[in-house]
């Protein structure tokens, strides 16, 4: 390591006035220290900081590039105060603080996975609350909860609901056996590499946040657990339907979708049959949120493939697009639209032939025949769901589905 790099680290780690390690610095301050040492190139500074981050000496969050954490242990201790396995009274985390003062905040945190602003104000230094809250939100461990607070019962007694803003702590979601309908199924497969811990829970939190953006009296709170969730979804009206909706005083329809995580690094998306007209919009939403997590917190390191169920087989995304696989890639969502132009069936024949070659189809194959797809584009349901804990996925009764 060049000596100037070591000098920069020492300059960041020591406050010349208190002779203590500052908890964090602004990037502009780091550049000023580097300039005094003789490092004036911003690109070189970024390389040095990335090296120290990879070494565990500092922390840099890609979503907060203007902040440099000089004391990683302080950050860990601060986050652990909220994201933890047990009550503070069991871990001795309150030090001189009286646990009785925040007992019901703590009980609500573990009962509903919801942290109150008051709890964070008690556990964190008031000056650091905005930064720590922003850090947890940017890393998707803390999601604003805009729904009605759930009731939490402990030993037949109702826990007091904290006042003020509440935040979903995604890593504290409870375990519960999945109970989902069969429906239309799509599989996000991360098994070529792996699905890191916490990514699925962050996805649930972002889906809940998205649901709250269209919240009204008709939208119910999502059901969120560690390995599955049910999320309400309001269909987005198309441009041609906005005037029709306003004239009839009807709002866009409300549905729901399910997400289930497996131990085989897979995420299953399920849309109920009665809401299948929304499947394309839901698929796009989930895909965008996974990409957001990948970009914002995983530095683009996630890799996945998408498979769609078709007649007891799972076909690749390429094959699904070719077959206009309903309801994910069909024109089902346009059935209520009027005067829609119909595309010439002869257009794009060259591109269709290219897709046929890619999928291993002969010209004589029917468009709806998947038996001749090559191995890269088709898998049996058993292969696609390898290691998927279907024993925990119980189909709801007809009465549950109709309610």
Foldseek 3Di string as FASTA:
>chain_A
DDPLLVQLLVVQQADPVPRGGDQKDFVVVSCVSSVVSPDNDPVVVVVSLVVCCVVVQWPAFPQCNGMIGRDVVVLVLLVCLQDHDDACVVVVSLPPDDCVVCVLQRVLCLQPQKHAPVSSPNNDDPVCVVVSVVVCVLLLQKAWQPADRDWGDDPNDTRDDDDHTIIHRLNSFADDQAEAAAAWKKKKAQLVPADDPPLVSSLVRVLQNVLSVPDDPVAHHKADGRFKIKHKDFADDDPQCPVVCVVVVHGGDMAIWMWGDFPSRMIMIHGHPVRQLCVQVVVVVSVVSSVSSCVRNVVVPGDIFMWTDDPQKTFGPLLCCQLCPPPNRPCSNCPPPPPDDDDDPPPPVVVSVVSCVVQQHDPPDDSPDNPRGDPVTMGGNCVSCPRGPCVSYHHDDPVVVVD
